[in-house]
Amino acid sequence: MVDFSAIARWPNVPDCFEWLSLDRRGDWRLQGERVTHHGLVEFMNRQYGSDEAGRWFVQNGPQRVYVDLACTPWVFRRDGEGFVSHTGASAGEVRAVLLDDEGSFLIEAELGIGLLDDRDLAACLAECSPDDETSLLAFLRDAAPPVRWRDLPLTRIAAAELAARYRFVAQPRG
């Protein structure tokens, strides 16, 4: 849960843009450099949230540091039969699975829309039926019968439509 208590003490601290990003593997990056300090990563994970406009941020005391998203607000990793987000929060129930025109495997879960970490892609694709590579490639070209992941239909989506459909801003600016 994001802590907003410092805003009351310092209400006029300006927002920060173009400093912080979330990459396709769920790693935080400060001005392009991967954040590796365990304590800082944990802090950012705890303070990650979104505003009413769909802009994602890390609340740093009184300052809101907006996050440039490489793909989606969440990056999901396998956790047994389920998924966990880059922040450690459970993705919850999987409601839909999508494949975009750039080959990204996306999961619409109770937590929100998230990109599957590419290190888990092979295992998730192996759970598709039909599970052969030819069927998946044909599916991407609109030339195949439906493909299912577990009990859910795999749905195509244009990468350019993700932000509007799921109401997030990939690159917030002031």
Protein backbone atom coordinates (compact mmCIF):
# COMPACT_ATOMS: atom_id res chain seq x y z
CA MET A 1 0.00 0.00 0.00
CA VAL A 2 1.44 3.34 -1.07
CA ASP A 3 2.28 5.75 1.78
CA PHE A 4 1.12 9.32 1.02
CA SER A 5 1.72 10.79 4.50
CA ALA A 6 4.65 13.03 3.49
CA ILE A 7 2.46 15.00 1.07
CA ALA A 8 0.67 16.68 3.99
CA ARG A 9 3.98 18.06 5.31
CA TRP A 10 5.35 19.09 1.88
CA PRO A 11 2.39 19.60 -0.47
CA ASN A 12 4.15 21.53 -3.24
CA VAL A 13 7.01 19.22 -4.23
CA PRO A 14 7.04 18.94 -8.04
CA ASP A 15 6.45 15.63 -9.79
CA CYS A 16 9.37 13.94 -11.49
CA PHE A 17 9.23 12.58 -15.06
CA GLU A 18 11.62 10.66 -17.32
CA TRP A 19 13.89 9.41 -14.52
CA LEU A 20 12.36 6.06 -13.63
CA SER A 21 11.28 3.19 -15.87
CA LEU A 22 10.08 -0.39 -15.63
CA ASP A 23 11.64 -2.72 -18.19
CA ARG A 24 10.16 -5.81 -19.86
CA ARG A 25 11.54 -8.09 -17.14
CA GLY A 26 10.13 -6.07 -14.25
CA ASP A 27 13.40 -4.40 -13.31
CA TRP A 28 13.43 -0.79 -12.14
CA ARG A 29 15.76 1.51 -14.07
CA LEU A 30 16.95 4.95 -12.97
CA GLN A 31 17.98 6.95 -16.02
CA GLY A 32 18.47 3.69 -17.92
CA GLU A 33 20.59 1.95 -15.28
CA ARG A 34 19.14 -1.16 -13.63
CA VAL A 35 18.48 -0.70 -9.91
CA THR A 36 20.15 -3.53 -8.02
CA HIS A 37 20.12 -2.28 -4.42
CA HIS A 38 17.78 -4.67 -2.64
CA GLY A 39 16.43 -2.09 -0.18
CA LEU A 40 15.71 0.46 -2.92
CA VAL A 41 13.94 -2.16 -5.07
CA GLU A 42 11.78 -3.18 -2.09
CA PHE A 43 10.94 0.48 -1.38
CA MET A 44 9.91 1.13 -5.00
CA ASN A 45 7.84 -2.06 -5.06
CA ARG A 46 5.95 -0.94 -1.92
CA GLN A 47 5.40 2.60 -3.18
CA TYR A 48 4.23 1.70 -6.72
CA GLY A 49 0.76 2.88 -7.64
CA SER A 50 -1.28 4.74 -10.23
CA ASP A 51 -3.28 7.94 -10.39
CA GLU A 52 -6.76 8.55 -11.79
CA ALA A 53 -5.31 9.27 -15.26
CA GLY A 54 -3.65 5.82 -15.44
CA ARG A 55 -0.13 7.15 -14.89
CA TRP A 56 2.02 4.81 -12.80
CA PHE A 57 4.42 6.21 -10.23
CA VAL A 58 6.59 5.53 -7.21
CA GLN A 59 5.73 7.77 -4.27
CA ASN A 60 9.04 8.97 -2.82
CA GLY A 61 8.08 10.88 0.32
CA PRO A 62 6.28 14.00 -0.92
CA GLN A 63 7.44 13.52 -4.52
CA ARG A 64 5.67 11.45 -7.14
CA VAL A 65 8.16 9.87 -9.57
CA TYR A 66 6.30 8.79 -12.70
CA VAL A 67 7.34 5.55 -14.38
CA ASP A 68 7.92 4.98 -18.10
CA LEU A 69 6.56 1.52 -18.89
CA ALA A 70 8.33 -0.66 -21.45
CA CYS A 71 5.06 -2.50 -22.05
CA THR A 72 2.47 -2.74 -19.25
CA PRO A 73 2.15 -1.59 -15.61
CA TRP A 74 2.83 -5.12 -14.36
CA VAL A 75 5.35 -7.80 -15.28
CA PHE A 76 4.30 -11.29 -14.23
CA ARG A 77 6.44 -14.30 -13.40
CA ARG A 78 5.40 -17.89 -12.84
CA ASP A 79 4.80 -18.88 -9.24
CA GLY A 80 3.75 -22.51 -9.18
CA GLU A 81 0.43 -22.68 -11.05
CA GLY A 82 -0.15 -18.93 -10.66
CA PHE A 83 1.69 -15.69 -11.27
CA VAL A 84 3.33 -13.00 -9.16
CA SER A 85 4.05 -9.42 -10.20
CA HIS A 86 7.43 -7.71 -10.31
CA THR A 87 6.52 -6.12 -6.95
CA GLY A 88 5.88 -9.49 -5.33
CA ALA A 89 2.09 -9.06 -5.28
CA SER A 90 0.00 -11.98 -6.45
CA ALA A 91 -1.51 -11.48 -9.90
CA GLY A 92 -4.65 -13.18 -8.64
CA GLU A 93 -7.12 -14.89 -10.93
CA VAL A 94 -6.15 -14.95 -14.60
CA ARG A 95 -9.09 -13.60 -16.60
CA ALA A 96 -7.66 -13.52 -20.13
CA VAL A 97 -4.46 -14.20 -22.05
CA LEU A 98 -3.41 -12.19 -25.07
CA LEU A 99 -0.67 -12.23 -27.66
CA ASP A 100 0.23 -8.94 -29.28
CA ASP A 101 1.57 -8.30 -32.75
CA GLU A 102 5.09 -7.95 -31.31
CA GLY A 103 4.98 -11.44 -29.80
CA SER A 104 4.38 -10.37 -26.20
CA PHE A 105 2.39 -12.80 -24.05
CA LEU A 106 0.08 -10.74 -21.87
CA ILE A 107 -1.98 -11.74 -18.88
CA GLU A 108 -5.10 -9.91 -17.77
CA ALA A 109 -5.36 -10.82 -14.10
CA GLU A 110 -7.19 -9.62 -11.04
CA LEU A 111 -4.25 -7.28 -10.32
CA GLY A 112 -4.33 -5.79 -13.84
CA ILE A 113 -2.71 -6.24 -17.23
CA GLY A 114 0.81 -7.57 -17.21
CA LEU A 115 3.50 -8.73 -19.57
CA LEU A 116 4.76 -12.24 -18.98
CA ASP A 117 8.49 -12.24 -18.18
CA ASP A 118 10.16 -13.73 -21.25
CA ARG A 119 11.97 -16.29 -19.09
CA ASP A 120 8.57 -17.93 -18.52
CA LEU A 121 7.38 -17.71 -22.13
CA ALA A 122 8.40 -21.22 -23.25
CA ALA A 123 6.60 -22.87 -20.32
CA CYS A 124 3.42 -20.86 -20.93
CA LEU A 125 3.44 -21.53 -24.67
CA ALA A 126 3.84 -25.25 -23.91
CA GLU A 127 0.48 -25.03 -22.08
CA CYS A 128 -1.25 -23.84 -25.26
CA SER A 129 -3.31 -26.15 -27.42
CA PRO A 130 -2.63 -26.88 -30.12
CA ASP A 131 0.93 -26.59 -28.83
CA ASP A 132 2.96 -26.90 -32.00
CA GLU A 133 4.95 -23.96 -33.34
CA THR A 134 3.22 -24.02 -36.74
CA SER A 135 -0.22 -23.56 -35.16
CA LEU A 136 0.98 -20.62 -33.06
CA LEU A 137 2.56 -18.91 -36.06
CA ALA A 138 -0.60 -19.44 -38.10
CA PHE A 139 -2.64 -18.05 -35.19
CA LEU A 140 -0.56 -14.85 -35.33
CA ARG A 141 -1.37 -14.51 -39.03
CA ASP A 142 -5.15 -14.93 -38.45
CA ALA A 143 -5.01 -18.17 -40.39
CA ALA A 144 -5.51 -20.77 -37.71
CA PRO A 145 -8.22 -22.22 -35.57
CA PRO A 146 -8.38 -20.83 -32.06
CA VAL A 147 -5.52 -21.44 -29.66
CA ARG A 148 -6.16 -21.94 -25.96
CA TRP A 149 -3.94 -21.46 -22.94
CA ARG A 150 -5.11 -23.82 -20.24
CA ASP A 151 -8.89 -23.21 -20.34
CA LEU A 152 -8.78 -19.67 -21.77
CA PRO A 153 -8.78 -18.60 -25.41
CA LEU A 154 -5.61 -16.85 -26.53
CA THR A 155 -6.68 -13.50 -27.99
CA ARG A 156 -4.75 -11.32 -30.41
CA ILE A 157 -4.27 -7.61 -29.70
CA ALA A 158 -2.27 -4.87 -31.38
CA ALA A 159 0.50 -3.59 -29.09
CA ALA A 160 -0.57 -0.04 -29.96
CA GLU A 161 -4.03 -0.71 -28.44
CA LEU A 162 -2.86 -1.97 -25.03
CA ALA A 163 -2.64 1.35 -23.19
CA ALA A 164 -6.05 2.58 -24.33
CA ARG A 165 -7.80 -0.73 -23.70
CA TYR A 166 -6.34 -1.14 -20.22
CA ARG A 167 -6.34 2.58 -19.32
CA PHE A 168 -2.69 3.23 -18.56
CA VAL A 169 -0.18 5.80 -19.78
CA ALA A 170 3.03 4.15 -20.95
CA GLN A 171 5.13 7.33 -20.90
CA PRO A 172 3.65 9.96 -18.60
CA ARG A 173 4.84 13.53 -19.04
CA GLY A 174 4.18 16.68 -17.01
